[in-house]
Amino acid sequence: MTIIPDFSESEQKHVAAILFERYGKFIPMQLADSELQLGGDTAELTDCPTLYWNERGAHFIVCKVAAGRFRCQFFYSEAEQYGTGKDDYENLEECVSTLLQVQSDHERQLVNVSTGATATTHDGEYHGSSMV
């Protein structure tokens, strides 16, 4: 059984700084554990240190799956969970920044749908976040 190191104080402060830059205010984070399937054996679950926060109706998790490797997702409910389209990250900043960007794009897309905006209204080629 592999034991994955907890998020260091430095890693936690780094994520807090990214969140402060994104939202312009302090966002409380909680340390948690998640059970993830990391290997080929789908029955075996591994406890992974996790950072959790919520903001603007979305819940976010960043899981440490090994020293220097991370996974992330955001969700609104048990049935509505999204990833970034990339399984693992070797850089915590890239992991968190990508997660926040994908959620922001998703939120913007939801607002445009509710206002009746169409693809011809926008210049970008965003195709939505990946459902987990």
C-alpha atoms as a PDB file:
ATOM      1  CA  MET A   1       0.000   0.000   0.000  1.00  0.00           C
ATOM      2  CA  THR A   2       1.474   3.320  -1.093  1.00  0.00           C
ATOM      3  CA  ILE A   3       1.124   6.233   1.280  1.00  0.00           C
ATOM      4  CA  ILE A   4       0.804   9.556  -0.512  1.00  0.00           C
ATOM      5  CA  PRO A   5       2.254  12.594   1.288  1.00  0.00           C
ATOM      6  CA  ASP A   6      -0.224  15.200   2.537  1.00  0.00           C
ATOM      7  CA  PHE A   7      -0.404  18.633   0.948  1.00  0.00           C
ATOM      8  CA  SER A   8       2.460  20.642   2.384  1.00  0.00           C
ATOM      9  CA  GLU A   9       1.862  24.018   3.982  1.00  0.00           C
ATOM     10  CA  SER A  10       3.657  25.554   0.998  1.00  0.00           C
ATOM     11  CA  GLU A  11       1.333  23.797  -1.470  1.00  0.00           C
ATOM     12  CA  GLN A  12      -1.719  24.925   0.504  1.00  0.00           C
ATOM     13  CA  LYS A  13      -0.490  28.532   0.541  1.00  0.00           C
ATOM     14  CA  HIS A  14       0.190  28.360  -3.188  1.00  0.00           C
ATOM     15  CA  VAL A  15      -3.369  27.194  -3.907  1.00  0.00           C
ATOM     16  CA  ALA A  16      -4.756  29.876  -1.550  1.00  0.00           C
ATOM     17  CA  ALA A  17      -2.814  32.529  -3.492  1.00  0.00           C
ATOM     18  CA  ILE A  18      -4.187  31.262  -6.827  1.00  0.00           C
ATOM     19  CA  LEU A  19      -7.740  31.358  -5.420  1.00  0.00           C
ATOM     20  CA  PHE A  20      -7.213  34.867  -4.025  1.00  0.00           C
ATOM     21  CA  GLU A  21      -5.971  36.024  -7.432  1.00  0.00           C
ATOM     22  CA  ARG A  22      -9.003  34.446  -9.146  1.00  0.00           C
ATOM     23  CA  TYR A  23     -11.728  35.638  -6.759  1.00  0.00           C
ATOM     24  CA  GLY A  24     -10.175  38.724  -5.156  1.00  0.00           C
ATOM     25  CA  LYS A  25     -10.898  37.434  -1.669  1.00  0.00           C
ATOM     26  CA  PHE A  26      -9.818  34.724   0.737  1.00  0.00           C
ATOM     27  CA  ILE A  27     -11.454  31.366  -0.082  1.00  0.00           C
ATOM     28  CA  PRO A  28     -11.455  28.883   2.823  1.00  0.00           C
ATOM     29  CA  MET A  29     -10.100  25.456   1.923  1.00  0.00           C
ATOM     30  CA  GLN A  30     -10.513  22.208   3.795  1.00  0.00           C
ATOM     31  CA  LEU A  31      -8.180  19.251   3.927  1.00  0.00           C
ATOM     32  CA  ALA A  32      -9.938  15.983   3.155  1.00  0.00           C
ATOM     33  CA  ASP A  33      -9.262  12.488   1.855  1.00  0.00           C
ATOM     34  CA  SER A  34     -10.615  10.916  -1.315  1.00  0.00           C
ATOM     35  CA  GLU A  35     -10.591   7.277  -2.325  1.00  0.00           C
ATOM     36  CA  LEU A  36      -9.455   6.995  -5.940  1.00  0.00           C
ATOM     37  CA  GLN A  37      -8.705   4.193  -8.357  1.00  0.00           C
ATOM     38  CA  LEU A  38      -5.078   4.828  -9.278  1.00  0.00           C
ATOM     39  CA  GLY A  39      -3.953   1.538 -10.787  1.00  0.00           C
ATOM     40  CA  GLY A  40      -5.284  -0.985 -13.232  1.00  0.00           C
ATOM     41  CA  ASP A  41      -7.192  -2.852 -10.501  1.00  0.00           C
ATOM     42  CA  THR A  42     -10.609  -1.188 -10.496  1.00  0.00           C
ATOM     43  CA  ALA A  43     -11.468  -2.745  -7.138  1.00  0.00           C
ATOM     44  CA  GLU A  44      -8.512  -1.221  -5.290  1.00  0.00           C
ATOM     45  CA  LEU A  45      -9.007   2.283  -3.883  1.00  0.00           C
ATOM     46  CA  THR A  46      -6.203   4.484  -2.610  1.00  0.00           C
ATOM     47  CA  ASP A  47      -6.627   7.195   0.024  1.00  0.00           C
ATOM     48  CA  CYS A  48      -5.464  10.475  -1.496  1.00  0.00           C
ATOM     49  CA  PRO A  49      -4.975  13.782   0.331  1.00  0.00           C
ATOM     50  CA  THR A  50      -7.459  16.307  -1.031  1.00  0.00           C
ATOM     51  CA  LEU A  51      -7.996  20.056  -0.977  1.00  0.00           C
ATOM     52  CA  TYR A  52     -11.656  21.088  -1.113  1.00  0.00           C
ATOM     53  CA  TRP A  53     -13.304  24.487  -1.484  1.00  0.00           C
ATOM     54  CA  ASN A  54     -16.532  25.876  -2.843  1.00  0.00           C
ATOM     55  CA  GLU A  55     -17.309  29.163  -4.471  1.00  0.00           C
ATOM     56  CA  ARG A  56     -20.164  30.596  -6.553  1.00  0.00           C
ATOM     57  CA  GLY A  57     -22.220  27.406  -6.357  1.00  0.00           C
ATOM     58  CA  ALA A  58     -19.443  25.065  -7.466  1.00  0.00           C
ATOM     59  CA  HIS A  59     -17.438  22.605  -5.371  1.00  0.00           C
ATOM     60  CA  PHE A  60     -13.778  21.943  -6.217  1.00  0.00           C
ATOM     61  CA  ILE A  61     -11.356  19.181  -5.302  1.00  0.00           C
ATOM     62  CA  VAL A  62      -7.665  18.758  -6.006  1.00  0.00           C
ATOM     63  CA  CYS A  63      -6.304  15.331  -5.060  1.00  0.00           C
ATOM     64  CA  LYS A  64      -2.661  14.455  -4.611  1.00  0.00           C
ATOM     65  CA  VAL A  65      -2.215  11.081  -6.301  1.00  0.00           C
ATOM     66  CA  ALA A  66       1.576  10.872  -5.745  1.00  0.00           C
ATOM     67  CA  ALA A  67       4.351  13.210  -4.732  1.00  0.00           C
ATOM     68  CA  GLY A  68       4.160  15.952  -7.368  1.00  0.00           C
ATOM     69  CA  ARG A  69       1.094  14.526  -9.180  1.00  0.00           C
ATOM     70  CA  PHE A  70      -2.474  15.852  -8.927  1.00  0.00           C
ATOM     71  CA  ARG A  71      -6.018  15.250 -10.189  1.00  0.00           C
ATOM     72  CA  CYS A  72      -8.895  17.688 -10.048  1.00  0.00           C
ATOM     73  CA  GLN A  73     -12.576  18.158 -10.727  1.00  0.00           C
ATOM     74  CA  PHE A  74     -15.461  20.462  -9.935  1.00  0.00           C
ATOM     75  CA  PHE A  75     -19.068  19.575  -9.349  1.00  0.00           C
ATOM     76  CA  TYR A  76     -22.464  21.025  -8.587  1.00  0.00           C
ATOM     77  CA  SER A  77     -24.134  17.810  -7.446  1.00  0.00           C
ATOM     78  CA  GLU A  78     -23.411  14.085  -7.358  1.00  0.00           C
ATOM     79  CA  ALA A  79     -24.873  13.795 -10.854  1.00  0.00           C
ATOM     80  CA  GLU A  80     -23.124  16.864 -12.299  1.00  0.00           C
ATOM     81  CA  GLN A  81     -19.331  16.395 -12.082  1.00  0.00           C
ATOM     82  CA  TYR A  82     -16.733  17.800 -14.473  1.00  0.00           C
ATOM     83  CA  GLY A  83     -13.039  17.366 -15.143  1.00  0.00           C
ATOM     84  CA  THR A  84     -10.542  19.322 -17.172  1.00  0.00           C
ATOM     85  CA  GLY A  85     -10.017  16.689 -19.851  1.00  0.00           C
ATOM     86  CA  LYS A  86      -6.594  15.795 -18.457  1.00  0.00           C
ATOM     87  CA  ASP A  87      -6.173  12.905 -16.017  1.00  0.00           C
ATOM     88  CA  ASP A  88      -3.103  13.983 -14.040  1.00  0.00           C
ATOM     89  CA  TYR A  89      -0.959  17.081 -13.628  1.00  0.00           C
ATOM     90  CA  GLU A  90       2.664  17.242 -12.556  1.00  0.00           C
ATOM     91  CA  ASN A  91       2.367  20.925 -11.688  1.00  0.00           C
ATOM     92  CA  LEU A  92      -0.017  22.066  -8.922  1.00  0.00           C
ATOM     93  CA  GLU A  93      -0.378  25.582 -10.312  1.00  0.00           C
ATOM     94  CA  GLU A  94      -1.311  24.282 -13.764  1.00  0.00           C
ATOM     95  CA  CYS A  95      -3.796  21.858 -12.177  1.00  0.00           C
ATOM     96  CA  VAL A  96      -5.592  24.517 -10.120  1.00  0.00           C
ATOM     97  CA  SER A  97      -5.459  27.214 -12.813  1.00  0.00           C
ATOM     98  CA  THR A  98      -6.840  24.865 -15.463  1.00  0.00           C
ATOM     99  CA  LEU A  99      -9.586  23.696 -13.097  1.00  0.00           C
ATOM    100  CA  LEU A 100     -10.639  27.278 -12.374  1.00  0.00           C
ATOM    101  CA  GLN A 101     -10.560  28.200 -16.072  1.00  0.00           C
ATOM    102  CA  VAL A 102     -12.653  25.206 -17.144  1.00  0.00           C
ATOM    103  CA  GLN A 103     -15.215  25.926 -14.406  1.00  0.00           C
ATOM    104  CA  SER A 104     -15.329  29.601 -15.401  1.00  0.00           C
ATOM    105  CA  ASP A 105     -15.850  28.642 -19.061  1.00  0.00           C
ATOM    106  CA  HIS A 106     -18.573  26.197 -18.014  1.00  0.00           C
ATOM    107  CA  GLU A 107     -20.289  28.858 -15.889  1.00  0.00           C
ATOM    108  CA  ARG A 108     -20.125  31.368 -18.751  1.00  0.00           C
ATOM    109  CA  GLN A 109     -21.555  28.766 -21.135  1.00  0.00           C
ATOM    110  CA  LEU A 110     -24.461  28.102 -18.742  1.00  0.00           C
ATOM    111  CA  VAL A 111     -25.232  31.825 -18.536  1.00  0.00           C
ATOM    112  CA  ASN A 112     -25.195  32.109 -22.326  1.00  0.00           C
ATOM    113  CA  VAL A 113     -27.577  29.162 -22.663  1.00  0.00           C
ATOM    114  CA  SER A 114     -30.016  30.690 -20.194  1.00  0.00           C
ATOM    115  CA  THR A 115     -29.915  34.045 -22.029  1.00  0.00           C
ATOM    116  CA  GLY A 116     -30.472  32.450 -25.437  1.00  0.00           C
ATOM    117  CA  ALA A 117     -27.033  33.282 -26.807  1.00  0.00           C
ATOM    118  CA  THR A 118     -25.866  31.100 -29.667  1.00  0.00           C
ATOM    119  CA  ALA A 119     -22.485  30.011 -30.981  1.00  0.00           C
ATOM    120  CA  THR A 120     -22.654  32.725 -33.639  1.00  0.00           C
ATOM    121  CA  THR A 121     -22.766  35.297 -30.821  1.00  0.00           C
ATOM    122  CA  HIS A 122     -19.230  34.385 -29.687  1.00  0.00           C
ATOM    123  CA  ASP A 123     -15.795  34.362 -31.310  1.00  0.00           C
ATOM    124  CA  GLY A 124     -14.277  31.496 -29.262  1.00  0.00           C
ATOM    125  CA  GLU A 125     -14.369  27.815 -30.041  1.00  0.00           C
ATOM    126  CA  TYR A 126     -15.143  26.533 -26.557  1.00  0.00           C
ATOM    127  CA  HIS A 127     -16.671  23.045 -26.677  1.00  0.00           C
ATOM    128  CA  GLY A 128     -17.593  22.645 -23.027  1.00  0.00           C
ATOM    129  CA  SER A 129     -16.001  20.911 -20.077  1.00  0.00           C
ATOM    130  CA  SER A 130     -15.627  17.158 -19.938  1.00  0.00           C
ATOM    131  CA  MET A 131     -18.195  15.308 -17.849  1.00  0.00           C
ATOM    132  CA  VAL A 132     -16.621  12.923 -15.320  1.00  0.00           C
END
